[in-house]
Amino acid sequence: MDINLYYKTYPVKMSLGAMKQFNNDTGLDLWCTLLKFRECFFLSIEEPIQTRLSRLNGIVDFHTGAKLIHALVKAEDKGVPLSEIEDAMFRCGWNFSEDDQSQPWPLLVVKLANDIDSEFEQSTPKKKADT
């Protein structure tokens, strides 16, 4: 799984280590925070994009968002500093863009949450049908 953050692709991974890192850095639960982003995004589907972005930005502040993304990146590449993630997030700006490489960070967190959900769903063993 990857995230495209201001024209650079970072591998990301949801792991217990990422969850622990995020909790240690922020006191927040990573799963719960990701769920809040998904919930907000889907509940605001009828609203204009600026309103949706405003609501998403209200879930956590910029620096907490950077720590969220960094925890997921660091699970795959320990050499990426938090300051690099913060800089890339800042350069993406706050307004929706048609360019997939420079979306505002809240939309990237929604995408991460959806990707993580899909990954878990695909890895869940399926019960065999009784024949």
Protein backbone atom coordinates (compact mmCIF):
# COMPACT_ATOMS: atom_id res chain seq x y z
CA MET A 1 0.00 0.00 0.00
CA ASP A 2 1.28 3.48 -0.87
CA ILE A 3 0.47 7.12 -0.30
CA ASN A 4 1.27 9.82 -2.87
CA LEU A 5 2.25 12.89 -0.94
CA TYR A 6 3.26 15.90 -2.99
CA TYR A 7 4.74 14.03 -5.93
CA LYS A 8 6.52 11.42 -3.83
CA THR A 9 5.26 7.92 -3.17
CA TYR A 10 5.74 6.45 0.29
CA PRO A 11 5.03 2.84 1.19
CA VAL A 12 2.70 2.59 4.19
CA LYS A 13 1.63 -0.23 6.44
CA MET A 14 -1.00 -0.59 9.11
CA SER A 15 0.63 -2.46 11.96
CA LEU A 16 0.57 -2.77 15.71
CA GLY A 17 3.83 -0.81 15.72
CA ALA A 18 2.21 2.05 13.79
CA MET A 19 -0.73 2.02 16.18
CA LYS A 20 1.59 2.13 19.21
CA GLN A 21 3.73 4.90 17.70
CA PHE A 22 0.69 7.06 16.95
CA ASN A 23 -0.72 6.50 20.43
CA ASN A 24 2.63 7.31 22.08
CA ASP A 25 2.98 10.48 19.98
CA THR A 26 -0.59 11.75 20.33
CA GLY A 27 -2.50 9.82 22.98
CA LEU A 28 -5.03 8.92 20.27
CA ASP A 29 -6.06 5.56 18.85
CA LEU A 30 -5.05 5.14 15.20
CA TRP A 31 -7.99 2.92 14.22
CA CYS A 32 -10.52 5.22 15.86
CA THR A 33 -8.99 8.27 14.17
CA LEU A 34 -9.04 6.60 10.74
CA LEU A 35 -12.67 5.58 11.31
CA LYS A 36 -13.56 9.17 12.13
CA PHE A 37 -12.11 10.30 8.79
CA ARG A 38 -14.09 7.65 6.88
CA GLU A 39 -17.28 8.43 8.76
CA CYS A 40 -16.96 12.18 8.22
CA PHE A 41 -16.18 11.74 4.53
CA PHE A 42 -19.16 9.49 3.86
CA LEU A 43 -21.63 11.43 6.03
CA SER A 44 -20.75 14.66 4.20
CA ILE A 45 -21.07 13.19 0.68
CA GLU A 46 -23.85 15.63 -0.30
CA GLU A 47 -21.91 18.72 0.79
CA PRO A 48 -19.59 20.89 -1.32
CA ILE A 49 -15.92 19.80 -1.30
CA GLN A 50 -14.83 22.87 0.70
CA THR A 51 -17.31 22.02 3.45
CA ARG A 52 -16.17 18.40 3.44
CA LEU A 53 -12.52 19.44 3.69
CA SER A 54 -13.33 21.82 6.53
CA ARG A 55 -15.06 19.02 8.43
CA LEU A 56 -12.18 16.60 7.80
CA ASN A 57 -9.65 19.19 8.98
CA GLY A 58 -11.60 19.46 12.23
CA ILE A 59 -11.00 15.82 13.18
CA VAL A 60 -7.33 16.33 14.07
CA ASP A 61 -4.95 19.24 13.62
CA PHE A 62 -2.20 19.38 11.01
CA HIS A 63 0.57 18.11 13.31
CA THR A 64 -1.51 15.18 14.53
CA GLY A 65 -2.32 14.35 10.92
CA ALA A 66 1.41 14.39 10.14
CA LYS A 67 2.05 11.98 13.01
CA LEU A 68 -0.70 9.70 11.70
CA ILE A 69 0.78 9.55 8.21
CA HIS A 70 4.31 9.30 9.60
CA ALA A 71 3.42 6.34 11.83
CA LEU A 72 2.09 4.45 8.80
CA VAL A 73 5.10 5.40 6.63
CA LYS A 74 7.59 4.61 9.39
CA ALA A 75 6.15 1.08 9.65
CA GLU A 76 7.65 0.51 6.18
CA ASP A 77 10.59 2.95 6.09
CA LYS A 78 12.07 4.03 9.42
CA GLY A 79 14.37 6.50 7.65
CA VAL A 80 11.64 9.00 6.70
CA PRO A 81 11.67 11.89 9.19
CA LEU A 82 8.47 13.47 10.46
CA SER A 83 9.65 16.84 9.10
CA GLU A 84 9.63 15.43 5.54
CA ILE A 85 6.00 14.31 5.93
CA GLU A 86 5.04 17.68 7.43
CA ASP A 87 6.73 19.57 4.58
CA ALA A 88 5.01 17.46 1.92
CA MET A 89 1.62 17.89 3.63
CA PHE A 90 2.13 21.66 3.80
CA ARG A 91 3.04 21.85 0.10
CA CYS A 92 -0.13 19.95 -0.87
CA GLY A 93 -2.13 22.92 0.37
CA TRP A 94 -5.64 22.92 1.75
CA ASN A 95 -7.78 23.04 -1.39
CA PHE A 96 -9.00 20.15 -3.56
CA SER A 97 -6.93 19.57 -6.68
CA GLU A 98 -7.60 17.60 -9.85
CA ASP A 99 -3.97 16.43 -9.54
CA ASP A 100 -3.90 13.17 -7.56
CA GLN A 101 -0.31 13.90 -6.48
CA SER A 102 -1.13 17.02 -4.48
CA GLN A 103 -4.39 16.40 -2.64
CA PRO A 104 -4.91 18.01 0.78
CA TRP A 105 -3.76 15.72 3.57
CA PRO A 106 -7.26 15.03 5.00
CA LEU A 107 -8.30 13.46 1.69
CA LEU A 108 -5.14 11.36 1.75
CA VAL A 109 -6.02 10.12 5.23
CA VAL A 110 -9.48 9.12 3.96
CA LYS A 111 -7.82 7.22 1.12
CA LEU A 112 -5.47 5.53 3.58
CA ALA A 113 -8.40 4.54 5.78
CA ASN A 114 -10.21 3.06 2.79
CA ASP A 115 -7.09 1.25 1.58
CA ILE A 116 -6.45 -0.18 5.04
CA ASP A 117 -10.06 -1.33 5.28
CA SER A 118 -9.80 -3.04 1.89
CA GLU A 119 -6.54 -4.70 2.86
CA PHE A 120 -8.05 -6.10 6.05
CA GLU A 121 -11.14 -7.26 4.19
CA GLN A 122 -9.03 -9.09 1.60
CA SER A 123 -6.90 -10.77 4.26
CA THR A 124 -9.84 -12.01 6.32
CA PRO A 125 -10.33 -15.76 5.86
CA LYS A 126 -13.60 -16.57 4.16
CA LYS A 127 -15.81 -19.32 5.49
CA LYS A 128 -16.23 -22.14 2.99
CA ALA A 129 -19.77 -22.72 1.86
CA ASP A 130 -21.33 -25.93 3.13
CA THR A 131 -21.80 -28.41 0.30
